[in-house]
N, C-alpha and C. Protein backbone atom coordinates (compact mmCIF):
# COMPACT_ATOMS: atom_id res chain seq x y z
N MET A 1 0.80 -1.29 -0.11
CA MET A 1 -0.01 -0.10 0.10
C MET A 1 0.61 0.96 -0.02
N TYR A 2 2.01 1.09 0.69
CA TYR A 2 2.85 2.20 0.50
C TYR A 2 3.80 2.11 -0.53
N GLY A 3 3.78 3.82 -1.17
CA GLY A 3 4.68 3.88 -1.90
C GLY A 3 3.49 4.26 -3.40
N ARG A 4 2.39 3.48 -3.57
CA ARG A 4 1.73 3.68 -4.69
C ARG A 4 1.48 5.40 -4.17
N GLU A 5 1.03 5.91 -5.61
CA GLU A 5 0.76 7.13 -5.84
C GLU A 5 -1.02 7.29 -5.74
N ARG A 6 -0.88 8.22 -4.97
CA ARG A 6 -2.60 8.30 -4.16
C ARG A 6 -3.29 9.50 -5.21
N ARG A 7 -2.50 10.36 -5.68
CA ARG A 7 -2.86 11.31 -6.33
C ARG A 7 -3.62 10.73 -7.81
N GLN A 8 -4.56 11.25 -8.49
CA GLN A 8 -5.03 11.16 -9.72
C GLN A 8 -4.48 12.42 -10.58
N ARG A 9 -3.98 12.01 -11.59
CA ARG A 9 -3.77 12.71 -12.53
C ARG A 9 -4.89 13.09 -13.99
N GLN A 10 -5.64 14.30 -13.04
CA GLN A 10 -6.75 14.50 -13.92
C GLN A 10 -6.16 15.92 -15.29
N ASP A 11 -6.92 16.02 -15.82
CA ASP A 11 -6.73 17.76 -16.70
C ASP A 11 -7.72 18.22 -15.70
N PRO A 12 -7.07 19.49 -15.53
CA PRO A 12 -8.08 20.39 -14.41
C PRO A 12 -9.22 21.31 -15.97
N ASP A 13 -10.32 21.08 -15.53
CA ASP A 13 -11.26 22.49 -16.19
C ASP A 13 -10.86 23.55 -16.43
N THR A 14 -10.79 24.40 -17.56
CA THR A 14 -10.03 25.40 -17.75
C THR A 14 -10.94 26.24 -17.27
N ALA A 15 -11.97 26.40 -17.70
CA ALA A 15 -13.28 27.51 -16.68
C ALA A 15 -12.84 27.60 -15.41
N THR A 16 -12.97 26.36 -14.62
CA THR A 16 -12.62 26.30 -13.07
C THR A 16 -11.21 27.32 -12.88
N LEU A 17 -10.26 26.65 -13.66
CA LEU A 17 -9.00 27.14 -13.46
C LEU A 17 -8.38 28.80 -13.64
N ARG A 18 -9.07 29.48 -14.42
CA ARG A 18 -9.62 30.74 -15.05
C ARG A 18 -10.38 31.38 -14.03
N ALA A 19 -11.38 31.11 -13.23
CA ALA A 19 -12.10 31.81 -12.33
C ALA A 19 -11.27 32.50 -11.58
N GLY A 20 -11.43 33.77 -11.31
CA GLY A 20 -10.96 34.49 -10.13
C GLY A 20 -9.35 35.03 -10.60
N LEU A 21 -9.10 35.13 -11.83
CA LEU A 21 -8.27 35.82 -12.82
C LEU A 21 -8.76 36.68 -12.95
N THR A 22 -7.31 37.72 -12.91
CA THR A 22 -7.91 39.36 -13.22
C THR A 22 -7.83 39.50 -14.82
N PRO A 23 -8.57 40.58 -15.26
CA PRO A 23 -8.40 40.75 -16.51
C PRO A 23 -7.26 40.58 -17.11
N ALA A 24 -6.22 41.37 -16.86
CA ALA A 24 -4.58 41.19 -17.06
C ALA A 24 -3.86 40.01 -16.82
N GLN A 25 -4.34 38.96 -16.26
CA GLN A 25 -3.72 37.83 -16.51
C GLN A 25 -4.23 37.01 -17.68
N LEU A 26 -5.48 37.16 -17.64
CA LEU A 26 -5.96 36.35 -18.65
C LEU A 26 -5.93 36.95 -19.83
N HIS A 27 -5.50 37.86 -20.28
CA HIS A 27 -5.03 38.77 -21.54
C HIS A 27 -3.84 37.91 -21.63
N ALA A 28 -2.69 37.92 -20.80
CA ALA A 28 -1.46 37.52 -20.89
C ALA A 28 -1.21 36.14 -20.55
N LEU A 29 -2.27 35.47 -20.20
CA LEU A 29 -2.41 33.43 -20.19
C LEU A 29 -2.71 33.58 -21.84
N ALA A 30 -3.72 34.04 -22.34
CA ALA A 30 -4.03 34.33 -24.17
C ALA A 30 -2.97 34.35 -24.82
N THR A 31 -2.12 35.27 -24.59
CA THR A 31 -0.70 35.23 -25.30
C THR A 31 0.04 34.08 -25.33
N LEU A 32 0.39 34.08 -24.10
CA LEU A 32 1.17 32.89 -23.70
C LEU A 32 0.84 31.35 -24.58
N GLU A 33 -0.33 31.25 -24.56
CA GLU A 33 -1.11 30.02 -24.84
C GLU A 33 -0.88 30.05 -26.48
N GLN A 34 -0.87 31.04 -26.97
CA GLN A 34 -0.28 31.32 -28.33
C GLN A 34 0.84 30.72 -28.95
N PHE A 35 2.06 30.53 -27.60
CA PHE A 35 2.99 30.22 -28.03
C PHE A 35 3.26 28.67 -27.23
N GLY A 36 2.23 27.85 -26.80
CA GLY A 36 2.29 26.75 -26.57
C GLY A 36 2.30 26.93 -24.72
N TRP A 37 2.68 27.68 -24.14
CA TRP A 37 2.45 27.64 -23.02
C TRP A 37 1.19 27.13 -22.37
N THR A 38 0.61 26.55 -21.35
CA THR A 38 -0.09 26.09 -20.96
C THR A 38 -0.58 25.98 -19.23
N LEU A 39 -1.92 26.63 -18.89
CA LEU A 39 -2.07 26.69 -17.20
C LEU A 39 -1.91 25.39 -16.66
N ARG A 40 -1.54 25.12 -16.14
CA ARG A 40 -1.68 23.88 -15.48
C ARG A 40 -2.31 24.00 -13.86
N PHE A 41 -2.09 24.32 -13.23
CA PHE A 41 -2.88 24.82 -12.05
C PHE A 41 -2.83 26.14 -11.48
N VAL A 42 -3.36 26.32 -10.41
CA VAL A 42 -3.90 28.07 -9.83
C VAL A 42 -3.68 27.93 -8.44
N ARG A 43 -3.30 28.01 -7.46
CA ARG A 43 -2.60 28.02 -5.74
C ARG A 43 -3.61 29.35 -5.37
N ARG A 44 -4.21 28.88 -4.77
CA ARG A 44 -5.34 29.61 -3.91
C ARG A 44 -5.28 29.75 -2.59
N PRO A 45 -4.41 30.76 -2.29
CA PRO A 45 -3.99 30.94 -0.76
C PRO A 45 -4.95 31.64 0.09
N LEU A 46 -5.23 31.01 1.22
CA LEU A 46 -6.31 31.61 1.94
C LEU A 46 -6.36 33.50 2.08
N PHE A 47 -7.08 34.68 2.12
CA PHE A 47 -7.15 35.69 1.95
C PHE A 47 -5.94 36.67 1.26
N ARG A 48 -5.47 36.08 0.02
CA ARG A 48 -4.46 36.16 -1.14
C ARG A 48 -5.18 36.03 -2.32
N ASP A 49 -4.48 36.67 -3.02
CA ASP A 49 -4.89 36.73 -4.41
C ASP A 49 -4.75 35.38 -5.09
N PRO A 50 -4.86 34.72 -6.12
CA PRO A 50 -4.86 33.46 -6.74
C PRO A 50 -3.41 33.44 -7.39
N VAL A 51 -2.92 32.38 -7.35
CA VAL A 51 -1.31 32.25 -8.43
C VAL A 51 -1.37 31.45 -9.16
N PRO A 52 -1.88 31.91 -10.57
CA PRO A 52 -1.91 31.05 -11.87
C PRO A 52 -0.27 30.86 -12.05
N VAL A 53 -0.07 29.36 -12.09
CA VAL A 53 1.39 28.59 -12.59
C VAL A 53 1.08 28.47 -14.45
N VAL A 54 2.13 28.59 -15.03
CA VAL A 54 1.86 28.49 -16.45
C VAL A 54 3.33 27.52 -16.87
N PHE A 55 3.05 26.42 -17.88
CA PHE A 55 4.59 25.63 -17.77
C PHE A 55 4.43 25.86 -19.26
N GLN A 56 5.93 25.82 -19.47
CA GLN A 56 6.52 25.76 -21.28
C GLN A 56 6.17 24.12 -21.72
N ARG A 57 5.65 24.40 -23.12
CA ARG A 57 5.36 23.09 -23.94
C ARG A 57 5.94 21.77 -23.40
N ASP A 58 7.30 21.66 -22.78
CA ASP A 58 8.17 20.48 -22.43
C ASP A 58 7.61 20.21 -20.99
N GLY A 59 7.03 21.27 -20.03
CA GLY A 59 7.23 21.16 -18.72
C GLY A 59 7.90 20.74 -17.78
N ARG A 60 9.32 21.62 -18.74
CA ARG A 60 10.47 21.90 -17.57
C ARG A 60 10.25 23.18 -16.90
N ARG A 61 9.88 24.42 -17.82
CA ARG A 61 9.92 25.71 -17.09
C ARG A 61 8.72 26.18 -16.90
N PHE A 62 8.58 26.47 -15.72
CA PHE A 62 7.01 27.76 -15.33
C PHE A 62 7.44 29.08 -15.34
N VAL A 63 6.35 29.80 -14.84
CA VAL A 63 6.35 31.40 -14.57
C VAL A 63 4.98 31.44 -14.30
N VAL A 64 4.84 32.22 -13.03
CA VAL A 64 3.86 32.53 -12.13
C VAL A 64 3.24 34.07 -13.12
N LEU A 65 1.73 34.28 -13.20
CA LEU A 65 1.45 35.31 -13.90
C LEU A 65 0.95 36.45 -12.45
N GLU A 66 1.74 37.15 -12.51
CA GLU A 66 1.37 38.46 -11.17
C GLU A 66 -0.10 38.55 -11.57
N ALA A 67 -0.84 39.65 -10.88
CA ALA A 67 -2.03 40.00 -10.68
C ALA A 67 -2.38 41.09 -12.20
N ASP A 68 -1.27 41.76 -12.19
CA ASP A 68 -0.93 43.05 -13.06
C ASP A 68 -0.63 41.84 -14.46
N GLY A 69 -0.36 41.08 -14.65
CA GLY A 69 -0.09 40.37 -16.04
C GLY A 69 1.17 40.29 -16.47
N THR A 70 1.96 40.50 -15.82
CA THR A 70 3.57 40.15 -15.65
C THR A 70 3.99 38.73 -15.16
N LEU A 71 4.95 38.58 -15.71
CA LEU A 71 5.57 37.45 -15.61
C LEU A 71 6.59 37.29 -14.21
N ASN A 72 6.29 36.57 -13.22
CA ASN A 72 7.49 36.19 -12.41
C ASN A 72 8.31 35.02 -12.89
N GLU A 73 9.31 34.99 -13.67
CA GLU A 73 10.19 34.05 -14.35
C GLU A 73 11.13 33.40 -13.20
N ALA A 74 11.21 33.59 -11.56
CA ALA A 74 12.18 33.46 -10.99
C ALA A 74 10.84 33.34 -9.34
N PRO A 75 9.84 32.61 -9.60
CA PRO A 75 8.93 32.48 -8.28
C PRO A 75 9.72 31.81 -7.09
N ASP A 76 8.89 32.02 -5.80
CA ASP A 76 9.44 31.09 -5.31
C ASP A 76 8.38 29.87 -4.55
N LEU A 77 8.12 29.08 -5.58
CA LEU A 77 7.54 27.94 -5.63
C LEU A 77 8.39 26.78 -5.86
N VAL A 78 7.68 25.65 -4.87
CA VAL A 78 8.63 24.43 -5.08
C VAL A 78 7.54 23.07 -5.88
N ILE A 79 8.07 23.16 -6.96
CA ILE A 79 7.07 22.02 -7.34
C ILE A 79 7.40 20.84 -7.62
N ARG A 80 6.20 19.65 -6.92
CA ARG A 80 7.21 18.45 -6.83
C ARG A 80 6.22 17.68 -8.07
N ASP A 81 7.13 16.60 -8.64
CA ASP A 81 7.02 15.72 -9.26
C ASP A 81 5.48 14.56 -9.27
């Protein structure tokens, strides 16, 4: 039983992921998607703005979309495999 992966890999609902993002974030996301980037998940910390995390096509590089639509290329996130 130990060692078995319990998390289920599902494709997230894009409308659910985009809910709560600012217009600037949505605009920047649309531009990034034209270049092959995908919104993989959104962290929603309590009492803080959502933190959308966008991955490059190969999945090795990621950025965070700030509330004003700018990219944070050096976020302080730890991504687990």
